[in-house]
Amino acid sequence: MRTGIGVRNAVIQGRFKQVPAAKSQRVAERKRQLKRPIRTRAKTFVRKARLSIDSGDAEAAEATTMQAIVALDKAAQKGAVHKRNAARRKSRLVRRLNAARA
C-alpha cells in the first residue's frame, strides 16, 4: 500500500477504492434492490393488460388496464421508472385498449 494517498482511500474487498465511490456503489445497489419489485410489479400488470386486451374481453381488459396504470403511477412516484416512461407506457396501453374497443 502506497503511503501519502490520504485517508479518503481504503482497501475494500482486496482492491483500492476511494471511500466515497464505494459508498455510492453500496447506496446504488441498495436502491436497485428496493426498486426491483416495484418495477417488476408494473411490468407484470402491463403484460396482463396487453393479454386481456388481445383476448377481446372488454371488461377484463379495462380492469387490468386500470391496474396497470395504477402500478405504473406508483412506480413513477417511487422513482422505479421515469415519469415520462410511465406516461408513455400508459398512453400506449390506453391507445391499444381504445383500438380494441373500436
PDB file of N, CA and C in Angstrom:
ATOM      1  N   MET A   1       0.845  -1.174   0.000  1.00  0.00           N
ATOM      2  CA  MET A   1       0.000   0.000   0.000  1.00  0.00           C
ATOM      3  C   MET A   1       0.885   1.229   0.000  1.00  0.00           C
ATOM      4  N   ARG A   2       0.591   2.139  -0.915  1.00  0.00           N
ATOM      5  CA  ARG A   2       1.391   3.362  -1.003  1.00  0.00           C
ATOM      6  C   ARG A   2       1.090   4.264   0.173  1.00  0.00           C
ATOM      7  N   THR A   3       2.063   5.028   0.559  1.00  0.00           N
ATOM      8  CA  THR A   3       1.845   5.984   1.638  1.00  0.00           C
ATOM      9  C   THR A   3       1.559   7.344   1.033  1.00  0.00           C
ATOM     10  N   GLY A   4       0.853   8.154   1.798  1.00  0.00           N
ATOM     11  CA  GLY A   4       0.582   9.511   1.361  1.00  0.00           C
ATOM     12  C   GLY A   4      -0.569   9.631   0.381  1.00  0.00           C
ATOM     13  N   ILE A   5      -1.431   8.614   0.285  1.00  0.00           N
ATOM     14  CA  ILE A   5      -2.552   8.715  -0.642  1.00  0.00           C
ATOM     15  C   ILE A   5      -3.800   9.254   0.038  1.00  0.00           C
ATOM     16  N   GLY A   6      -3.719   9.520   1.329  1.00  0.00           N
ATOM     17  CA  GLY A   6      -4.829  10.177   2.001  1.00  0.00           C
ATOM     18  C   GLY A   6      -5.736   9.224   2.732  1.00  0.00           C
ATOM     19  N   VAL A   7      -6.530   9.780   3.619  1.00  0.00           N
ATOM     20  CA  VAL A   7      -7.429   8.973   4.439  1.00  0.00           C
ATOM     21  C   VAL A   7      -8.720   8.648   3.710  1.00  0.00           C
ATOM     22  N   ARG A   8      -8.973   9.275   2.552  1.00  0.00           N
ATOM     23  CA  ARG A   8     -10.212   9.024   1.825  1.00  0.00           C
ATOM     24  C   ARG A   8     -10.126   7.762   0.964  1.00  0.00           C
ATOM     25  N   ASN A   9      -8.978   7.096   0.966  1.00  0.00           N
ATOM     26  CA  ASN A   9      -8.816   5.874   0.193  1.00  0.00           C
ATOM     27  C   ASN A   9      -8.681   4.697   1.142  1.00  0.00           C
ATOM     28  N   ALA A  10      -9.088   3.555   0.698  1.00  0.00           N
ATOM     29  CA  ALA A  10      -9.016   2.379   1.553  1.00  0.00           C
ATOM     30  C   ALA A  10      -8.933   1.134   0.685  1.00  0.00           C
ATOM     31  N   VAL A  11      -8.548   0.052   1.306  1.00  0.00           N
ATOM     32  CA  VAL A  11      -8.573  -1.234   0.618  1.00  0.00           C
ATOM     33  C   VAL A  11      -9.903  -1.880   0.958  1.00  0.00           C
ATOM     34  N   ILE A  12     -10.727  -2.074  -0.070  1.00  0.00           N
ATOM     35  CA  ILE A  12     -12.051  -2.642   0.135  1.00  0.00           C
ATOM     36  C   ILE A  12     -12.166  -3.860  -0.770  1.00  0.00           C
ATOM     37  N   GLN A  13     -12.485  -4.987  -0.206  1.00  0.00           N
ATOM     38  CA  GLN A  13     -12.645  -6.244  -0.927  1.00  0.00           C
ATOM     39  C   GLN A  13     -11.403  -6.557  -1.756  1.00  0.00           C
ATOM     40  N   GLY A  14     -10.228  -6.336  -1.175  1.00  0.00           N
ATOM     41  CA  GLY A  14      -8.998  -6.713  -1.830  1.00  0.00           C
ATOM     42  C   GLY A  14      -8.506  -5.766  -2.905  1.00  0.00           C
ATOM     43  N   ARG A  15      -9.194  -4.600  -3.100  1.00  0.00           N
ATOM     44  CA  ARG A  15      -8.763  -3.652  -4.109  1.00  0.00           C
ATOM     45  C   ARG A  15      -8.730  -2.263  -3.507  1.00  0.00           C
ATOM     46  N   PHE A  16      -7.993  -1.386  -4.143  1.00  0.00           N
ATOM     47  CA  PHE A  16      -8.016   0.004  -3.720  1.00  0.00           C
ATOM     48  C   PHE A  16      -9.263   0.657  -4.302  1.00  0.00           C
ATOM     49  N   LYS A  17     -10.006   1.321  -3.461  1.00  0.00           N
ATOM     50  CA  LYS A  17     -11.155   2.081  -3.919  1.00  0.00           C
ATOM     51  C   LYS A  17     -11.256   3.330  -3.085  1.00  0.00           C
ATOM     52  N   GLN A  18     -11.758   4.364  -3.673  1.00  0.00           N
ATOM     53  CA  GLN A  18     -11.990   5.561  -2.882  1.00  0.00           C
ATOM     54  C   GLN A  18     -13.233   5.328  -2.043  1.00  0.00           C
ATOM     55  N   VAL A  19     -13.199   5.801  -0.816  1.00  0.00           N
ATOM     56  CA  VAL A  19     -14.301   5.552   0.112  1.00  0.00           C
ATOM     57  C   VAL A  19     -15.624   6.127  -0.393  1.00  0.00           C
ATOM     58  N   PRO A  20     -15.666   7.371  -0.891  1.00  0.00           N
ATOM     59  CA  PRO A  20     -16.957   7.878  -1.384  1.00  0.00           C
ATOM     60  C   PRO A  20     -17.515   7.059  -2.544  1.00  0.00           C
ATOM     61  N   ALA A  21     -16.646   6.575  -3.413  1.00  0.00           N
ATOM     62  CA  ALA A  21     -17.115   5.770  -4.540  1.00  0.00           C
ATOM     63  C   ALA A  21     -17.698   4.447  -4.050  1.00  0.00           C
ATOM     64  N   ALA A  22     -17.051   3.875  -3.053  1.00  0.00           N
ATOM     65  CA  ALA A  22     -17.546   2.608  -2.510  1.00  0.00           C
ATOM     66  C   ALA A  22     -18.904   2.804  -1.857  1.00  0.00           C
ATOM     67  N   LYS A  23     -19.066   3.919  -1.161  1.00  0.00           N
ATOM     68  CA  LYS A  23     -20.351   4.193  -0.513  1.00  0.00           C
ATOM     69  C   LYS A  23     -21.435   4.411  -1.576  1.00  0.00           C
ATOM     70  N   SER A  24     -21.100   5.143  -2.620  1.00  0.00           N
ATOM     71  CA  SER A  24     -22.064   5.371  -3.691  1.00  0.00           C
ATOM     72  C   SER A  24     -22.491   4.053  -4.319  1.00  0.00           C
ATOM     73  N   GLN A  25     -21.557   3.156  -4.465  1.00  0.00           N
ATOM     74  CA  GLN A  25     -21.862   1.842  -5.031  1.00  0.00           C
ATOM     75  C   GLN A  25     -22.809   1.064  -4.119  1.00  0.00           C
ATOM     76  N   ARG A  26     -22.569   1.127  -2.810  1.00  0.00           N
ATOM     77  CA  ARG A  26     -23.450   0.426  -1.860  1.00  0.00           C
ATOM     78  C   ARG A  26     -24.854   1.025  -1.884  1.00  0.00           C
ATOM     79  N   VAL A  27     -24.940   2.346  -1.910  1.00  0.00           N
ATOM     80  CA  VAL A  27     -26.240   3.017  -1.924  1.00  0.00           C
ATOM     81  C   VAL A  27     -27.000   2.672  -3.198  1.00  0.00           C
ATOM     82  N   ALA A  28     -26.305   2.691  -4.335  1.00  0.00           N
ATOM     83  CA  ALA A  28     -26.950   2.382  -5.617  1.00  0.00           C
ATOM     84  C   ALA A  28     -27.484   0.955  -5.628  1.00  0.00           C
ATOM     85  N   GLU A  29     -26.706   0.034  -5.085  1.00  0.00           N
ATOM     86  CA  GLU A  29     -27.147  -1.360  -5.035  1.00  0.00           C
ATOM     87  C   GLU A  29     -28.367  -1.523  -4.133  1.00  0.00           C
ATOM     88  N   ARG A  30     -28.362  -0.826  -3.009  1.00  0.00           N
ATOM     89  CA  ARG A  30     -29.496  -0.891  -2.083  1.00  0.00           C
ATOM     90  C   ARG A  30     -30.754  -0.340  -2.747  1.00  0.00           C
ATOM     91  N   LYS A  31     -30.629   0.788  -3.441  1.00  0.00           N
ATOM     92  CA  LYS A  31     -31.788   1.366  -4.126  1.00  0.00           C
ATOM     93  C   LYS A  31     -32.285   0.451  -5.238  1.00  0.00           C
ATOM     94  N   ARG A  32     -31.346  -0.161  -5.951  1.00  0.00           N
ATOM     95  CA  ARG A  32     -31.721  -1.066  -7.032  1.00  0.00           C
ATOM     96  C   ARG A  32     -32.529  -2.244  -6.492  1.00  0.00           C
ATOM     97  N   GLN A  33     -32.096  -2.776  -5.351  1.00  0.00           N
ATOM     98  CA  GLN A  33     -32.812  -3.897  -4.733  1.00  0.00           C
ATOM     99  C   GLN A  33     -34.204  -3.480  -4.269  1.00  0.00           C
ATOM    100  N   LEU A  34     -34.361  -2.241  -3.804  1.00  0.00           N
ATOM    101  CA  LEU A  34     -35.662  -1.768  -3.340  1.00  0.00           C
ATOM    102  C   LEU A  34     -36.613  -1.504  -4.500  1.00  0.00           C
ATOM    103  N   LYS A  35     -36.076  -1.033  -5.609  1.00  0.00           N
ATOM    104  CA  LYS A  35     -36.934  -0.646  -6.740  1.00  0.00           C
ATOM    105  C   LYS A  35     -37.301  -1.814  -7.646  1.00  0.00           C
ATOM    106  N   ARG A  36     -36.538  -2.888  -7.574  1.00  0.00           N
ATOM    107  CA  ARG A  36     -36.769  -4.028  -8.463  1.00  0.00           C
ATOM    108  C   ARG A  36     -38.191  -4.589  -8.370  1.00  0.00           C
ATOM    109  N   PRO A  37     -38.725  -4.901  -7.169  1.00  0.00           N
ATOM    110  CA  PRO A  37     -40.089  -5.460  -7.119  1.00  0.00           C
ATOM    111  C   PRO A  37     -41.154  -4.484  -7.611  1.00  0.00           C
ATOM    112  N   ILE A  38     -40.937  -3.194  -7.422  1.00  0.00           N
ATOM    113  CA  ILE A  38     -41.902  -2.192  -7.883  1.00  0.00           C
ATOM    114  C   ILE A  38     -41.950  -2.199  -9.406  1.00  0.00           C
ATOM    115  N   ARG A  39     -40.765  -2.226 -10.021  1.00  0.00           N
ATOM    116  CA  ARG A  39     -40.670  -2.246 -11.474  1.00  0.00           C
ATOM    117  C   ARG A  39     -41.246  -3.550 -12.038  1.00  0.00           C
ATOM    118  N   THR A  40     -40.963  -4.658 -11.375  1.00  0.00           N
ATOM    119  CA  THR A  40     -41.466  -5.960 -11.824  1.00  0.00           C
ATOM    120  C   THR A  40     -42.982  -6.007 -11.746  1.00  0.00           C
ATOM    121  N   ARG A  41     -43.533  -5.471 -10.665  1.00  0.00           N
ATOM    122  CA  ARG A  41     -44.994  -5.439 -10.497  1.00  0.00           C
ATOM    123  C   ARG A  41     -45.646  -4.646 -11.630  1.00  0.00           C
ATOM    124  N   ALA A  42     -45.065  -3.510 -11.962  1.00  0.00           N
ATOM    125  CA  ALA A  42     -45.616  -2.685 -13.045  1.00  0.00           C
ATOM    126  C   ALA A  42     -45.560  -3.437 -14.373  1.00  0.00           C
ATOM    127  N   LYS A  43     -44.422  -4.065 -14.648  1.00  0.00           N
ATOM    128  CA  LYS A  43     -44.288  -4.801 -15.906  1.00  0.00           C
ATOM    129  C   LYS A  43     -45.273  -5.967 -15.976  1.00  0.00           C
ATOM    130  N   THR A  44     -45.496  -6.632 -14.844  1.00  0.00           N
ATOM    131  CA  THR A  44     -46.434  -7.755 -14.800  1.00  0.00           C
ATOM    132  C   THR A  44     -47.850  -7.291 -15.114  1.00  0.00           C
ATOM    133  N   PHE A  45     -48.266  -6.176 -14.513  1.00  0.00           N
ATOM    134  CA  PHE A  45     -49.613  -5.658 -14.769  1.00  0.00           C
ATOM    135  C   PHE A  45     -49.769  -5.198 -16.216  1.00  0.00           C
ATOM    136  N   VAL A  46     -48.727  -4.600 -16.782  1.00  0.00           N
ATOM    137  CA  VAL A  46     -48.789  -4.182 -18.181  1.00  0.00           C
ATOM    138  C   VAL A  46     -48.926  -5.406 -19.076  1.00  0.00           C
ATOM    139  N   ARG A  47     -48.173  -6.453 -18.772  1.00  0.00           N
ATOM    140  CA  ARG A  47     -48.250  -7.690 -19.563  1.00  0.00           C
ATOM    141  C   ARG A  47     -49.659  -8.282 -19.495  1.00  0.00           C
ATOM    142  N   LYS A  48     -50.227  -8.328 -18.273  1.00  0.00           N
ATOM    143  CA  LYS A  48     -51.583  -8.873 -18.119  1.00  0.00           C
ATOM    144  C   LYS A  48     -52.608  -8.028 -18.876  1.00  0.00           C
ATOM    145  N   ALA A  49     -52.429  -6.713 -18.841  1.00  0.00           N
ATOM    146  CA  ALA A  49     -53.357  -5.828 -19.540  1.00  0.00           C
ATOM    147  C   ALA A  49     -53.298  -6.066 -21.043  1.00  0.00           C
ATOM    148  N   ARG A  50     -52.082  -6.191 -21.577  1.00  0.00           N
ATOM    149  CA  ARG A  50     -51.952  -6.454 -23.017  1.00  0.00           C
ATOM    150  C   ARG A  50     -52.615  -7.766 -23.403  1.00  0.00           C
ATOM    151  N   LEU A  51     -52.396  -8.788 -22.580  1.00  0.00           N
ATOM    152  CA  LEU A  51     -53.006 -10.088 -22.887  1.00  0.00           C
ATOM    153  C   LEU A  51     -54.528 -10.019 -22.835  1.00  0.00           C
ATOM    154  N   SER A  52     -55.077  -9.316 -21.854  1.00  0.00           N
ATOM    155  CA  SER A  52     -56.533  -9.237 -21.745  1.00  0.00           C
ATOM    156  C   SER A  52     -57.120  -8.373 -22.857  1.00  0.00           C
ATOM    157  N   ILE A  53     -56.389  -7.346 -23.287  1.00  0.00           N
ATOM    158  CA  ILE A  53     -56.859  -6.537 -24.420  1.00  0.00           C
ATOM    159  C   ILE A  53     -56.895  -7.390 -25.686  1.00  0.00           C
ATOM    160  N   ASP A  54     -55.837  -8.180 -25.888  1.00  0.00           N
ATOM    161  CA  ASP A  54     -55.761  -9.015 -27.083  1.00  0.00           C
ATOM    162  C   ASP A  54     -56.783 -10.156 -27.062  1.00  0.00           C
ATOM    163  N   SER A  55     -57.199 -10.577 -25.864  1.00  0.00           N
ATOM    164  CA  SER A  55     -58.166 -11.669 -25.771  1.00  0.00           C
ATOM    165  C   SER A  55     -59.561 -11.244 -26.208  1.00  0.00           C
ATOM    166  N   GLY A  56     -59.870  -9.941 -26.088  1.00  0.00           N
ATOM    167  CA  GLY A  56     -61.159  -9.438 -26.560  1.00  0.00           C
ATOM    168  C   GLY A  56     -62.194  -9.240 -25.475  1.00  0.00           C
ATOM    169  N   ASP A  57     -61.914  -9.609 -24.232  1.00  0.00           N
ATOM    170  CA  ASP A  57     -62.854  -9.412 -23.129  1.00  0.00           C
ATOM    171  C   ASP A  57     -62.761  -7.959 -22.667  1.00  0.00           C
ATOM    172  N   ALA A  58     -63.776  -7.166 -22.993  1.00  0.00           N
ATOM    173  CA  ALA A  58     -63.728  -5.718 -22.770  1.00  0.00           C
ATOM    174  C   ALA A  58     -63.656  -5.360 -21.285  1.00  0.00           C
ATOM    175  N   GLU A  59     -64.464  -6.024 -20.471  1.00  0.00           N
ATOM    176  CA  GLU A  59     -64.483  -5.692 -19.038  1.00  0.00           C
ATOM    177  C   GLU A  59     -63.158  -6.041 -18.363  1.00  0.00           C
ATOM    178  N   ALA A  60     -62.664  -7.216 -18.659  1.00  0.00           N
ATOM    179  CA  ALA A  60     -61.391  -7.645 -18.077  1.00  0.00           C
ATOM    180  C   ALA A  60     -60.255  -6.759 -18.571  1.00  0.00           C
ATOM    181  N   ALA A  61     -60.334  -6.384 -19.847  1.00  0.00           N
ATOM    182  CA  ALA A  61     -59.285  -5.528 -20.413  1.00  0.00           C
ATOM    183  C   ALA A  61     -59.258  -4.173 -19.726  1.00  0.00           C
ATOM    184  N   GLU A  62     -60.427  -3.615 -19.497  1.00  0.00           N
ATOM    185  CA  GLU A  62     -60.486  -2.306 -18.835  1.00  0.00           C
ATOM    186  C   GLU A  62     -59.993  -2.394 -17.390  1.00  0.00           C
ATOM    187  N   ALA A  63     -60.378  -3.450 -16.698  1.00  0.00           N
ATOM    188  CA  ALA A  63     -59.961  -3.607 -15.296  1.00  0.00           C
ATOM    189  C   ALA A  63     -58.448  -3.796 -15.183  1.00  0.00           C
ATOM    190  N   THR A  64     -57.894  -4.649 -16.034  1.00  0.00           N
ATOM    191  CA  THR A  64     -56.450  -4.884 -15.954  1.00  0.00           C
ATOM    192  C   THR A  64     -55.660  -3.667 -16.421  1.00  0.00           C
ATOM    193  N   THR A  65     -56.210  -2.920 -17.371  1.00  0.00           N
ATOM    194  CA  THR A  65     -55.544  -1.690 -17.813  1.00  0.00           C
ATOM    195  C   THR A  65     -55.497  -0.677 -16.680  1.00  0.00           C
ATOM    196  N   MET A  66     -56.572  -0.563 -15.937  1.00  0.00           N
ATOM    197  CA  MET A  66     -56.579   0.368 -14.793  1.00  0.00           C
ATOM    198  C   MET A  66     -55.571  -0.076 -13.736  1.00  0.00           C
ATOM    199  N   GLN A  67     -55.470  -1.371 -13.498  1.00  0.00           N
ATOM    200  CA  GLN A  67     -54.469  -1.876 -12.547  1.00  0.00           C
ATOM    201  C   GLN A  67     -53.058  -1.554 -13.026  1.00  0.00           C
ATOM    202  N   ALA A  68     -52.829  -1.701 -14.314  1.00  0.00           N
ATOM    203  CA  ALA A  68     -51.510  -1.398 -14.879  1.00  0.00           C
ATOM    204  C   ALA A  68     -51.190   0.083 -14.752  1.00  0.00           C
ATOM    205  N   ILE A  69     -52.187   0.932 -14.973  1.00  0.00           N
ATOM    206  CA  ILE A  69     -51.976   2.373 -14.854  1.00  0.00           C
ATOM    207  C   ILE A  69     -51.623   2.749 -13.423  1.00  0.00           C
ATOM    208  N   VAL A  70     -52.322   2.163 -12.464  1.00  0.00           N
ATOM    209  CA  VAL A  70     -52.023   2.433 -11.050  1.00  0.00           C
ATOM    210  C   VAL A  70     -50.609   1.959 -10.704  1.00  0.00           C
ATOM    211  N   ALA A  71     -50.252   0.774 -11.177  1.00  0.00           N
ATOM    212  CA  ALA A  71     -48.911   0.234 -10.895  1.00  0.00           C
ATOM    213  C   ALA A  71     -47.828   1.112 -11.519  1.00  0.00           C
ATOM    214  N   LEU A  72     -48.056   1.600 -12.733  1.00  0.00           N
ATOM    215  CA  LEU A  72     -47.080   2.481 -13.378  1.00  0.00           C
ATOM    216  C   LEU A  72     -46.967   3.820 -12.656  1.00  0.00           C
ATOM    217  N   ASP A  73     -48.106   4.348 -12.207  1.00  0.00           N
ATOM    218  CA  ASP A  73     -48.077   5.611 -11.450  1.00  0.00           C
ATOM    219  C   ASP A  73     -47.282   5.455 -10.160  1.00  0.00           C
ATOM    220  N   LYS A  74     -47.497   4.346  -9.463  1.00  0.00           N
ATOM    221  CA  LYS A  74     -46.760   4.113  -8.216  1.00  0.00           C
ATOM    222  C   LYS A  74     -45.268   3.935  -8.481  1.00  0.00           C
ATOM    223  N   ALA A  75     -44.946   3.222  -9.549  1.00  0.00           N
ATOM    224  CA  ALA A  75     -43.539   3.023  -9.892  1.00  0.00           C
ATOM    225  C   ALA A  75     -42.869   4.357 -10.224  1.00  0.00           C
ATOM    226  N   ALA A  76     -43.594   5.217 -10.931  1.00  0.00           N
ATOM    227  CA  ALA A  76     -43.034   6.529 -11.263  1.00  0.00           C
ATOM    228  C   ALA A  76     -42.901   7.403 -10.014  1.00  0.00           C
ATOM    229  N   GLN A  77     -43.885   7.325  -9.151  1.00  0.00           N
ATOM    230  CA  GLN A  77     -43.864   8.119  -7.924  1.00  0.00           C
ATOM    231  C   GLN A  77     -42.690   7.722  -7.033  1.00  0.00           C
ATOM    232  N   LYS A  78     -42.379   6.428  -7.009  1.00  0.00           N
ATOM    233  CA  LYS A  78     -41.299   5.935  -6.151  1.00  0.00           C
ATOM    234  C   LYS A  78     -39.943   5.964  -6.843  1.00  0.00           C
ATOM    235  N   GLY A  79     -39.918   6.380  -8.103  1.00  0.00           N
ATOM    236  CA  GLY A  79     -38.655   6.509  -8.804  1.00  0.00           C
ATOM    237  C   GLY A  79     -38.138   5.227  -9.424  1.00  0.00           C
ATOM    238  N   ALA A  80     -38.965   4.198  -9.481  1.00  0.00           N
ATOM    239  CA  ALA A  80     -38.535   2.938 -10.075  1.00  0.00           C
ATOM    240  C   ALA A  80     -38.471   3.043 -11.599  1.00  0.00           C
ATOM    241  N   VAL A  81     -39.346   3.853 -12.180  1.00  0.00           N
ATOM    242  CA  VAL A  81     -39.279   4.189 -13.602  1.00  0.00           C
ATOM    243  C   VAL A  81     -39.441   5.698 -13.715  1.00  0.00           C
ATOM    244  N   HIS A  82     -38.962   6.258 -14.799  1.00  0.00           N
ATOM    245  CA  HIS A  82     -39.083   7.698 -15.007  1.00  0.00           C
ATOM    246  C   HIS A  82     -40.539   8.049 -15.289  1.00  0.00           C
ATOM    247  N   LYS A  83     -40.955   9.238 -14.873  1.00  0.00           N
ATOM    248  CA  LYS A  83     -42.369   9.607 -15.016  1.00  0.00           C
ATOM    249  C   LYS A  83     -42.800   9.664 -16.480  1.00  0.00           C
ATOM    250  N   ARG A  84     -41.895  10.065 -17.362  1.00  0.00           N
ATOM    251  CA  ARG A  84     -42.260  10.106 -18.780  1.00  0.00           C
ATOM    252  C   ARG A  84     -42.317   8.703 -19.367  1.00  0.00           C
ATOM    253  N   ASN A  85     -41.492   7.812 -18.877  1.00  0.00           N
ATOM    254  CA  ASN A  85     -41.544   6.414 -19.304  1.00  0.00           C
ATOM    255  C   ASN A  85     -42.894   5.818 -18.909  1.00  0.00           C
ATOM    256  N   ALA A  86     -43.330   6.094 -17.677  1.00  0.00           N
ATOM    257  CA  ALA A  86     -44.630   5.599 -17.213  1.00  0.00           C
ATOM    258  C   ALA A  86     -45.759   6.200 -18.039  1.00  0.00           C
ATOM    259  N   ALA A  87     -45.676   7.493 -18.332  1.00  0.00           N
ATOM    260  CA  ALA A  87     -46.713   8.152 -19.125  1.00  0.00           C
ATOM    261  C   ALA A  87     -46.795   7.556 -20.522  1.00  0.00           C
ATOM    262  N   ARG A  88     -45.634   7.274 -21.116  1.00  0.00           N
ATOM    263  CA  ARG A  88     -45.609   6.685 -22.454  1.00  0.00           C
ATOM    264  C   ARG A  88     -46.236   5.294 -22.442  1.00  0.00           C
ATOM    265  N   ARG A  89     -45.908   4.494 -21.444  1.00  0.00           N
ATOM    266  CA  ARG A  89     -46.488   3.146 -21.363  1.00  0.00           C
ATOM    267  C   ARG A  89     -47.993   3.202 -21.150  1.00  0.00           C
ATOM    268  N   LYS A  90     -48.454   4.116 -20.295  1.00  0.00           N
ATOM    269  CA  LYS A  90     -49.893   4.259 -20.057  1.00  0.00           C
ATOM    270  C   LYS A  90     -50.604   4.675 -21.337  1.00  0.00           C
ATOM    271  N   SER A  91     -50.001   5.611 -22.055  1.00  0.00           N
ATOM    272  CA  SER A  91     -50.596   6.087 -23.292  1.00  0.00           C
ATOM    273  C   SER A  91     -50.730   4.961 -24.307  1.00  0.00           C
ATOM    274  N   ARG A  92     -49.684   4.155 -24.424  1.00  0.00           N
ATOM    275  CA  ARG A  92     -49.719   3.047 -25.373  1.00  0.00           C
ATOM    276  C   ARG A  92     -50.771   2.015 -24.994  1.00  0.00           C
ATOM    277  N   LEU A  93     -50.896   1.774 -23.676  1.00  0.00           N
ATOM    278  CA  LEU A  93     -51.907   0.812 -23.221  1.00  0.00           C
ATOM    279  C   LEU A  93     -53.309   1.305 -23.535  1.00  0.00           C
ATOM    280  N   VAL A  94     -53.573   2.571 -23.240  1.00  0.00           N
ATOM    281  CA  VAL A  94     -54.919   3.118 -23.457  1.00  0.00           C
ATOM    282  C   VAL A  94     -55.241   3.174 -24.945  1.00  0.00           C
ATOM    283  N   ARG A  95     -54.237   3.526 -25.758  1.00  0.00           N
ATOM    284  CA  ARG A  95     -54.460   3.520 -27.211  1.00  0.00           C
ATOM    285  C   ARG A  95     -54.809   2.120 -27.705  1.00  0.00           C
ATOM    286  N   ARG A  96     -54.118   1.154 -27.157  1.00  0.00           N
ATOM    287  CA  ARG A  96     -54.365  -0.252 -27.530  1.00  0.00           C
ATOM    288  C   ARG A  96     -55.775  -0.676 -27.107  1.00  0.00           C
ATOM    289  N   LEU A  97     -56.171  -0.252 -25.903  1.00  0.00           N
ATOM    290  CA  LEU A  97     -57.500  -0.576 -25.390  1.00  0.00           C
ATOM    291  C   LEU A  97     -58.578   0.059 -26.255  1.00  0.00           C
ATOM    292  N   ASN A  98     -58.389   1.338 -26.600  1.00  0.00           N
ATOM    293  CA  ASN A  98     -59.368   2.036 -27.427  1.00  0.00           C
ATOM    294  C   ASN A  98     -59.456   1.426 -28.826  1.00  0.00           C
ATOM    295  N   ALA A  99     -58.331   0.996 -29.359  1.00  0.00           N
ATOM    296  CA  ALA A  99     -58.343   0.359 -30.682  1.00  0.00           C
ATOM    297  C   ALA A  99     -59.096  -0.977 -30.637  1.00  0.00           C
ATOM    298  N   ALA A 100     -58.967  -1.689 -29.521  1.00  0.00           N
ATOM    299  CA  ALA A 100     -59.654  -2.964 -29.389  1.00  0.00           C
ATOM    300  C   ALA A 100     -61.168  -2.770 -29.237  1.00  0.00           C
ATOM    301  N   ARG A 101     -61.532  -1.668 -28.606  1.00  0.00           N
ATOM    302  CA  ARG A 101     -62.977  -1.369 -28.443  1.00  0.00           C
ATOM    303  C   ARG A 101     -63.618  -1.041 -29.771  1.00  0.00           C
ATOM    304  N   ALA A 102     -62.907  -0.338 -30.620  1.00  0.00           N
ATOM    305  CA  ALA A 102     -63.477   0.149 -31.887  1.00  0.00           C
ATOM    306  C   ALA A 102     -63.655  -0.951 -32.919  1.00  0.00           C
TER     307      ALA A 102
END
